Amino acid sequence: MIPKGPLVSVIVAVYNQEKFIGRCLRSLLHQTIPHESYEIIVVNDGSTDRTPYALELFHDAIRPITNETNIGLPASINKGILAARSQYIVRVDSDDYVNLNFLNFLHFYLDQNRYADAVACDYLLVDDAEEVLERANCMDRPIACGIMFRKQQLIDIGMYDETFRCHEDQDLRIRFEKKYRISRLELPLYRYRRHETNLTNDAEAMEHHRQNLVRKHGTDSEQ
């Protein structure tokens, strides 16, 4: 019998996250679906800290991709999508972590509901000490991660726009929802970490790319 490939591909793009990448990967390695059922693709985007050393500790459990220079988050994620061997794709940020049922429940939802194009789960906002600050509705306050897509549909819409260094998730979502639909799983399976080094705290960069988003999609796309 020919062995099947993984059911799910998890994509983690990482840049200088030596402090948190281990926590992220440990949460992904302790899932309630068999480890052979999913792959973890880690794209090291030219990290200059001890991230490469941290990844070496997991070398037997991940599929590493190394960018010699920093090419940005969207381009790194696109590399992961193209390298994925499964039909389901889910992105996890390198400073976040997930519930042990994260992959199981999201995959089961899409597998059993063929009408569903993608599914997002609710999330818990946590601080650096992993204290829960609040629970968030993934539709009212969408984030880039914790959404399982069908790979072919991501490719169909052109994947991530690599000109966006932030707001890349909003641009993808706008384009995705013009043709497809994202369902909601009302379970807080994702842990979204808020800390001082979050890219979203760079107000100048955020505003620059927000203006690009408006130029590309029009003022109605501002959310």
C-alpha atoms as a PDB file:
ATOM      1  CA  MET A   1       0.000   0.000   0.000  1.00  0.00           C
ATOM      2  CA  ILE A   2       1.442   3.383  -1.043  1.00  0.00           C
ATOM      3  CA  PRO A   3       1.831   5.654   2.015  1.00  0.00           C
ATOM      4  CA  LYS A   4      -0.216   8.803   1.905  1.00  0.00           C
ATOM      5  CA  GLY A   5       1.224  12.256   2.377  1.00  0.00           C
ATOM      6  CA  PRO A   6       0.371  14.513   5.318  1.00  0.00           C
ATOM      7  CA  LEU A   7      -3.199  15.683   5.821  1.00  0.00           C
ATOM      8  CA  VAL A   8      -2.193  19.169   6.935  1.00  0.00           C
ATOM      9  CA  SER A   9       0.764  21.467   6.286  1.00  0.00           C
ATOM     10  CA  VAL A  10       1.565  23.982   9.029  1.00  0.00           C
ATOM     11  CA  ILE A  11       3.620  26.961   7.891  1.00  0.00           C
ATOM     12  CA  VAL A  12       5.707  28.918  10.385  1.00  0.00           C
ATOM     13  CA  ALA A  13       7.775  31.831   9.061  1.00  0.00           C
ATOM     14  CA  VAL A  14      10.322  32.995  11.614  1.00  0.00           C
ATOM     15  CA  TYR A  15      12.643  35.972  11.880  1.00  0.00           C
ATOM     16  CA  ASN A  16      14.654  36.579  15.058  1.00  0.00           C
ATOM     17  CA  GLN A  17      12.285  34.812  17.459  1.00  0.00           C
ATOM     18  CA  GLU A  18      14.779  32.776  19.476  1.00  0.00           C
ATOM     19  CA  LYS A  19      12.763  33.420  22.631  1.00  0.00           C
ATOM     20  CA  PHE A  20       9.407  32.110  21.400  1.00  0.00           C
ATOM     21  CA  ILE A  21       9.938  29.716  18.470  1.00  0.00           C
ATOM     22  CA  GLY A  22      10.516  26.746  20.782  1.00  0.00           C
ATOM     23  CA  ARG A  23       7.188  27.277  22.534  1.00  0.00           C
ATOM     24  CA  CYS A  24       5.461  27.564  19.172  1.00  0.00           C
ATOM     25  CA  LEU A  25       6.940  24.338  17.805  1.00  0.00           C
ATOM     26  CA  ARG A  26       6.377  22.360  21.000  1.00  0.00           C
ATOM     27  CA  SER A  27       2.675  23.210  20.863  1.00  0.00           C
ATOM     28  CA  LEU A  28       2.551  22.025  17.248  1.00  0.00           C
ATOM     29  CA  LEU A  29       4.346  18.792  18.051  1.00  0.00           C
ATOM     30  CA  HIS A  30       1.863  17.897  20.807  1.00  0.00           C
ATOM     31  CA  GLN A  31      -1.305  17.659  18.747  1.00  0.00           C
ATOM     32  CA  THR A  32      -4.108  15.122  19.050  1.00  0.00           C
ATOM     33  CA  ILE A  33      -3.667  13.882  15.484  1.00  0.00           C
ATOM     34  CA  PRO A  34      -0.795  11.491  14.712  1.00  0.00           C
ATOM     35  CA  HIS A  35       2.442  13.272  13.931  1.00  0.00           C
ATOM     36  CA  GLU A  36       2.716  11.528  10.569  1.00  0.00           C
ATOM     37  CA  SER A  37      -0.605  13.148   9.615  1.00  0.00           C
ATOM     38  CA  TYR A  38       0.871  16.636   9.381  1.00  0.00           C
ATOM     39  CA  GLU A  39       4.067  18.428   8.476  1.00  0.00           C
ATOM     40  CA  ILE A  40       5.571  21.565  10.010  1.00  0.00           C
ATOM     41  CA  ILE A  41       7.307  23.737   7.430  1.00  0.00           C
ATOM     42  CA  VAL A  42       9.506  26.341   9.114  1.00  0.00           C
ATOM     43  CA  VAL A  43      10.866  29.132   6.932  1.00  0.00           C
ATOM     44  CA  ASN A  44      13.791  30.862   8.617  1.00  0.00           C
ATOM     45  CA  ASP A  45      13.778  34.283   6.985  1.00  0.00           C
ATOM     46  CA  GLY A  46      17.435  35.225   7.394  1.00  0.00           C
ATOM     47  CA  SER A  47      17.411  35.363  11.212  1.00  0.00           C
ATOM     48  CA  THR A  48      20.486  36.969  12.767  1.00  0.00           C
ATOM     49  CA  ASP A  49      19.903  35.882  16.381  1.00  0.00           C
ATOM     50  CA  ARG A  50      19.977  32.342  17.816  1.00  0.00           C
ATOM     51  CA  THR A  51      16.849  31.226  15.958  1.00  0.00           C
ATOM     52  CA  PRO A  52      18.869  28.816  13.734  1.00  0.00           C
ATOM     53  CA  TYR A  53      20.200  27.108  16.858  1.00  0.00           C
ATOM     54  CA  ALA A  54      16.688  26.879  18.322  1.00  0.00           C
ATOM     55  CA  LEU A  55      15.437  25.284  15.096  1.00  0.00           C
ATOM     56  CA  GLU A  56      18.282  22.766  15.116  1.00  0.00           C
ATOM     57  CA  LEU A  57      16.808  21.338  18.322  1.00  0.00           C
ATOM     58  CA  PHE A  58      13.720  20.356  16.291  1.00  0.00           C
ATOM     59  CA  HIS A  59      15.497  19.242  13.111  1.00  0.00           C
ATOM     60  CA  ASP A  60      13.981  15.747  13.134  1.00  0.00           C
ATOM     61  CA  ALA A  61      10.425  17.063  13.483  1.00  0.00           C
ATOM     62  CA  ILE A  62      10.244  19.937  10.980  1.00  0.00           C
ATOM     63  CA  ARG A  63      10.810  20.636   7.297  1.00  0.00           C
ATOM     64  CA  PRO A  64      13.186  23.622   7.324  1.00  0.00           C
ATOM     65  CA  ILE A  65      13.536  26.202   4.566  1.00  0.00           C
ATOM     66  CA  THR A  66      16.299  28.778   4.985  1.00  0.00           C
ATOM     67  CA  ASN A  67      16.373  32.184   3.345  1.00  0.00           C
ATOM     68  CA  GLU A  68      19.957  33.413   3.198  1.00  0.00           C
ATOM     69  CA  THR A  69      18.683  37.003   3.448  1.00  0.00           C
ATOM     70  CA  ASN A  70      15.465  38.458   4.854  1.00  0.00           C
ATOM     71  CA  ILE A  71      12.832  38.494   2.098  1.00  0.00           C
ATOM     72  CA  GLY A  72       9.819  39.356   4.244  1.00  0.00           C
ATOM     73  CA  LEU A  73       6.903  37.495   5.786  1.00  0.00           C
ATOM     74  CA  PRO A  74       4.597  37.209   2.728  1.00  0.00           C
ATOM     75  CA  ALA A  75       7.342  35.870   0.449  1.00  0.00           C
ATOM     76  CA  SER A  76       8.420  33.397   3.141  1.00  0.00           C
ATOM     77  CA  ILE A  77       4.868  32.126   3.623  1.00  0.00           C
ATOM     78  CA  ASN A  78       4.479  31.738  -0.136  1.00  0.00           C
ATOM     79  CA  LYS A  79       7.596  29.563  -0.168  1.00  0.00           C
ATOM     80  CA  GLY A  80       5.982  27.392   2.483  1.00  0.00           C
ATOM     81  CA  ILE A  81       2.699  27.127   0.577  1.00  0.00           C
ATOM     82  CA  LEU A  82       4.458  25.996  -2.594  1.00  0.00           C
ATOM     83  CA  ALA A  83       6.526  23.460  -0.631  1.00  0.00           C
ATOM     84  CA  ALA A  84       3.486  22.018   1.186  1.00  0.00           C
ATOM     85  CA  ARG A  85       2.619  18.404   0.426  1.00  0.00           C
ATOM     86  CA  SER A  86      -0.958  18.441   1.723  1.00  0.00           C
ATOM     87  CA  GLN A  87      -4.190  19.966   0.491  1.00  0.00           C
ATOM     88  CA  TYR A  88      -4.790  21.866   3.744  1.00  0.00           C
ATOM     89  CA  ILE A  89      -2.656  24.838   4.803  1.00  0.00           C
ATOM     90  CA  VAL A  90      -2.625  26.642   8.142  1.00  0.00           C
ATOM     91  CA  ARG A  91      -0.315  29.445   9.219  1.00  0.00           C
ATOM     92  CA  VAL A  92       0.997  29.859  12.767  1.00  0.00           C
ATOM     93  CA  ASP A  93       3.146  32.835  13.752  1.00  0.00           C
ATOM     94  CA  SER A  94       6.491  32.018  15.331  1.00  0.00           C
ATOM     95  CA  ASP A  95       5.727  33.857  18.575  1.00  0.00           C
ATOM     96  CA  ASP A  96       2.300  32.281  19.055  1.00  0.00           C
ATOM     97  CA  TYR A  97       1.216  28.787  20.104  1.00  0.00           C
ATOM     98  CA  VAL A  98      -1.852  26.577  19.839  1.00  0.00           C
ATOM     99  CA  ASN A  99      -4.188  24.265  21.723  1.00  0.00           C
ATOM    100  CA  LEU A 100      -3.488  20.527  21.399  1.00  0.00           C
ATOM    101  CA  ASN A 101      -6.732  20.092  19.381  1.00  0.00           C
ATOM    102  CA  PHE A 102      -5.910  22.918  16.946  1.00  0.00           C
ATOM    103  CA  LEU A 103      -5.052  20.826  13.875  1.00  0.00           C
ATOM    104  CA  ASN A 104      -7.495  18.035  14.642  1.00  0.00           C
ATOM    105  CA  PHE A 105     -10.585  20.219  14.930  1.00  0.00           C
ATOM    106  CA  LEU A 106      -9.826  22.546  12.016  1.00  0.00           C
ATOM    107  CA  HIS A 107      -8.972  19.654   9.708  1.00  0.00           C
ATOM    108  CA  PHE A 108     -12.052  17.674  10.759  1.00  0.00           C
ATOM    109  CA  TYR A 109     -14.271  20.691  10.054  1.00  0.00           C
ATOM    110  CA  LEU A 110     -12.984  21.141   6.500  1.00  0.00           C
ATOM    111  CA  ASP A 111     -12.831  17.434   5.790  1.00  0.00           C
ATOM    112  CA  GLN A 112     -16.446  16.905   6.848  1.00  0.00           C
ATOM    113  CA  ASN A 113     -17.858  20.101   5.329  1.00  0.00           C
ATOM    114  CA  ARG A 114     -16.942  20.073   1.664  1.00  0.00           C
ATOM    115  CA  TYR A 115     -18.881  23.310   1.116  1.00  0.00           C
ATOM    116  CA  ALA A 116     -16.496  25.132   3.466  1.00  0.00           C
ATOM    117  CA  ASP A 117     -13.576  26.795   1.716  1.00  0.00           C
ATOM    118  CA  ALA A 118     -11.641  27.744   4.851  1.00  0.00           C
ATOM    119  CA  VAL A 119     -12.222  27.773   8.596  1.00  0.00           C
ATOM    120  CA  ALA A 120     -10.929  30.111  11.302  1.00  0.00           C
ATOM    121  CA  CYS A 121     -10.995  29.491  15.040  1.00  0.00           C
ATOM    122  CA  ASP A 122     -11.397  31.942  17.894  1.00  0.00           C
ATOM    123  CA  TYR A 123      -8.294  32.805  19.899  1.00  0.00           C
ATOM    124  CA  LEU A 124      -7.043  33.786  23.313  1.00  0.00           C
ATOM    125  CA  LEU A 125      -4.976  36.934  23.584  1.00  0.00           C
ATOM    126  CA  VAL A 126      -2.042  36.246  25.922  1.00  0.00           C
ATOM    127  CA  ASP A 127       0.892  38.239  27.271  1.00  0.00           C
ATOM    128  CA  ASP A 128       4.557  37.233  27.347  1.00  0.00           C
ATOM    129  CA  ALA A 129       3.970  35.268  30.561  1.00  0.00           C
ATOM    130  CA  GLU A 130       1.152  33.376  28.777  1.00  0.00           C
ATOM    131  CA  GLU A 131      -1.483  34.896  31.024  1.00  0.00           C
ATOM    132  CA  VAL A 132      -4.809  35.060  29.210  1.00  0.00           C
ATOM    133  CA  LEU A 133      -5.913  38.648  28.643  1.00  0.00           C
ATOM    134  CA  GLU A 134      -9.153  37.941  26.795  1.00  0.00           C
ATOM    135  CA  ARG A 135     -10.934  35.704  24.320  1.00  0.00           C
ATOM    136  CA  ALA A 136     -11.539  37.075  20.835  1.00  0.00           C
ATOM    137  CA  ASN A 137     -14.051  36.268  18.094  1.00  0.00           C
ATOM    138  CA  CYS A 138     -12.025  35.510  14.956  1.00  0.00           C
ATOM    139  CA  MET A 139     -14.631  37.150  12.722  1.00  0.00           C
ATOM    140  CA  ASP A 140     -15.071  40.336  14.735  1.00  0.00           C
ATOM    141  CA  ARG A 141     -11.307  40.703  15.263  1.00  0.00           C
ATOM    142  CA  PRO A 142      -9.592  38.675  12.544  1.00  0.00           C
ATOM    143  CA  ILE A 143      -5.898  37.856  12.710  1.00  0.00           C
ATOM    144  CA  ALA A 144      -3.529  36.415  10.135  1.00  0.00           C
ATOM    145  CA  CYS A 145      -3.236  32.973  11.698  1.00  0.00           C
ATOM    146  CA  GLY A 146      -5.469  30.193  12.938  1.00  0.00           C
ATOM    147  CA  ILE A 147      -7.194  29.855   9.543  1.00  0.00           C
ATOM    148  CA  MET A 148      -7.047  26.570   7.666  1.00  0.00           C
ATOM    149  CA  PHE A 149      -7.262  26.967   3.896  1.00  0.00           C
ATOM    150  CA  ARG A 150      -7.428  24.584   0.983  1.00  0.00           C
ATOM    151  CA  LYS A 151      -4.053  24.906  -0.744  1.00  0.00           C
ATOM    152  CA  GLN A 152      -5.420  25.039  -4.278  1.00  0.00           C
ATOM    153  CA  GLN A 153      -7.660  27.983  -3.432  1.00  0.00           C
ATOM    154  CA  LEU A 154      -4.719  29.953  -2.010  1.00  0.00           C
ATOM    155  CA  ILE A 155      -2.811  29.320  -5.215  1.00  0.00           C
ATOM    156  CA  ASP A 156      -5.904  30.234  -7.231  1.00  0.00           C
ATOM    157  CA  ILE A 157      -6.047  33.743  -5.736  1.00  0.00           C
ATOM    158  CA  GLY A 158      -2.302  34.297  -6.133  1.00  0.00           C
ATOM    159  CA  MET A 159      -1.244  33.562  -2.535  1.00  0.00           C
ATOM    160  CA  TYR A 160       0.229  36.473  -0.523  1.00  0.00           C
ATOM    161  CA  ASP A 161       1.109  39.782  -2.164  1.00  0.00           C
ATOM    162  CA  GLU A 162       4.832  40.018  -1.455  1.00  0.00           C
ATOM    163  CA  THR A 163       4.842  43.827  -1.670  1.00  0.00           C
ATOM    164  CA  PHE A 164       3.031  43.995   1.689  1.00  0.00           C
ATOM    165  CA  ARG A 165       5.376  43.795   4.688  1.00  0.00           C
ATOM    166  CA  CYS A 166       2.363  44.083   7.006  1.00  0.00           C
ATOM    167  CA  HIS A 167      -1.402  43.972   6.395  1.00  0.00           C
ATOM    168  CA  GLU A 168      -0.557  41.073   4.080  1.00  0.00           C
ATOM    169  CA  ASP A 169      -3.261  39.051   5.816  1.00  0.00           C
ATOM    170  CA  GLN A 170      -5.938  41.683   5.185  1.00  0.00           C
ATOM    171  CA  ASP A 171      -5.013  41.871   1.511  1.00  0.00           C
ATOM    172  CA  LEU A 172      -5.164  38.069   1.204  1.00  0.00           C
ATOM    173  CA  ARG A 173      -8.488  37.917   3.019  1.00  0.00           C
ATOM    174  CA  ILE A 174     -10.082  40.576   0.804  1.00  0.00           C
ATOM    175  CA  ARG A 175      -9.031  38.727  -2.330  1.00  0.00           C
ATOM    176  CA  PHE A 176      -9.975  35.308  -0.891  1.00  0.00           C
ATOM    177  CA  GLU A 177     -13.467  36.381   0.156  1.00  0.00           C
ATOM    178  CA  LYS A 178     -14.267  37.775  -3.275  1.00  0.00           C
ATOM    179  CA  LYS A 179     -14.424  34.168  -4.457  1.00  0.00           C
ATOM    180  CA  TYR A 180     -14.523  31.958  -1.356  1.00  0.00           C
ATOM    181  CA  ARG A 181     -15.883  31.932   2.184  1.00  0.00           C
ATOM    182  CA  ILE A 182     -14.227  31.603   5.589  1.00  0.00           C
ATOM    183  CA  SER A 183     -16.298  29.766   8.215  1.00  0.00           C
ATOM    184  CA  ARG A 184     -15.958  30.177  11.964  1.00  0.00           C
ATOM    185  CA  LEU A 185     -15.227  27.483  14.532  1.00  0.00           C
ATOM    186  CA  GLU A 186     -16.340  28.902  17.881  1.00  0.00           C
ATOM    187  CA  LEU A 187     -13.501  27.410  19.900  1.00  0.00           C
ATOM    188  CA  PRO A 188     -10.441  29.356  21.160  1.00  0.00           C
ATOM    189  CA  LEU A 189      -7.793  27.026  19.747  1.00  0.00           C
ATOM    190  CA  TYR A 190      -5.165  29.664  18.938  1.00  0.00           C
ATOM    191  CA  ARG A 191      -2.984  31.642  21.374  1.00  0.00           C
ATOM    192  CA  TYR A 192      -2.131  35.084  20.025  1.00  0.00           C
ATOM    193  CA  ARG A 193       0.750  36.661  21.892  1.00  0.00           C
ATOM    194  CA  ARG A 194       0.801  40.411  22.518  1.00  0.00           C
ATOM    195  CA  HIS A 195       4.219  41.837  23.344  1.00  0.00           C
ATOM    196  CA  GLU A 196       6.316  44.907  22.683  1.00  0.00           C
ATOM    197  CA  THR A 197       8.107  43.520  19.634  1.00  0.00           C
ATOM    198  CA  ASN A 198       4.933  42.705  17.707  1.00  0.00           C
ATOM    199  CA  LEU A 199       5.238  43.904  14.119  1.00  0.00           C
ATOM    200  CA  THR A 200       1.757  45.385  14.484  1.00  0.00           C
ATOM    201  CA  ASN A 201       3.188  47.840  17.027  1.00  0.00           C
ATOM    202  CA  ASP A 202       5.254  49.551  14.313  1.00  0.00           C
ATOM    203  CA  ALA A 203       2.775  52.342  13.677  1.00  0.00           C
ATOM    204  CA  GLU A 204       4.649  53.941  10.782  1.00  0.00           C
ATOM    205  CA  ALA A 205       4.972  50.697   8.835  1.00  0.00           C
ATOM    206  CA  MET A 206       1.371  49.788   9.569  1.00  0.00           C
ATOM    207  CA  GLU A 207       0.116  53.102   8.226  1.00  0.00           C
ATOM    208  CA  HIS A 208       2.277  52.846   5.100  1.00  0.00           C
ATOM    209  CA  HIS A 209       0.894  49.439   4.227  1.00  0.00           C
ATOM    210  CA  ARG A 210      -2.641  50.450   5.205  1.00  0.00           C
ATOM    211  CA  GLN A 211      -2.425  53.163   2.555  1.00  0.00           C
ATOM    212  CA  ASN A 212      -1.233  50.543   0.065  1.00  0.00           C
ATOM    213  CA  LEU A 213      -4.215  48.401   1.016  1.00  0.00           C
ATOM    214  CA  VAL A 214      -6.594  51.319   0.390  1.00  0.00           C
ATOM    215  CA  ARG A 215      -4.968  52.080  -2.964  1.00  0.00           C
ATOM    216  CA  LYS A 216      -5.265  48.459  -4.031  1.00  0.00           C
ATOM    217  CA  HIS A 217      -8.797  47.685  -2.835  1.00  0.00           C
ATOM    218  CA  GLY A 218     -10.472  51.050  -2.244  1.00  0.00           C
ATOM    219  CA  THR A 219     -11.664  52.771   0.913  1.00  0.00           C
ATOM    220  CA  ASP A 220     -14.432  50.214   1.469  1.00  0.00           C
ATOM    221  CA  SER A 221     -11.714  47.666   2.325  1.00  0.00           C
ATOM    222  CA  GLU A 222     -10.534  49.556   5.407  1.00  0.00           C
ATOM    223  CA  GLN A 223     -11.291  47.457   8.471  1.00  0.00           C
END
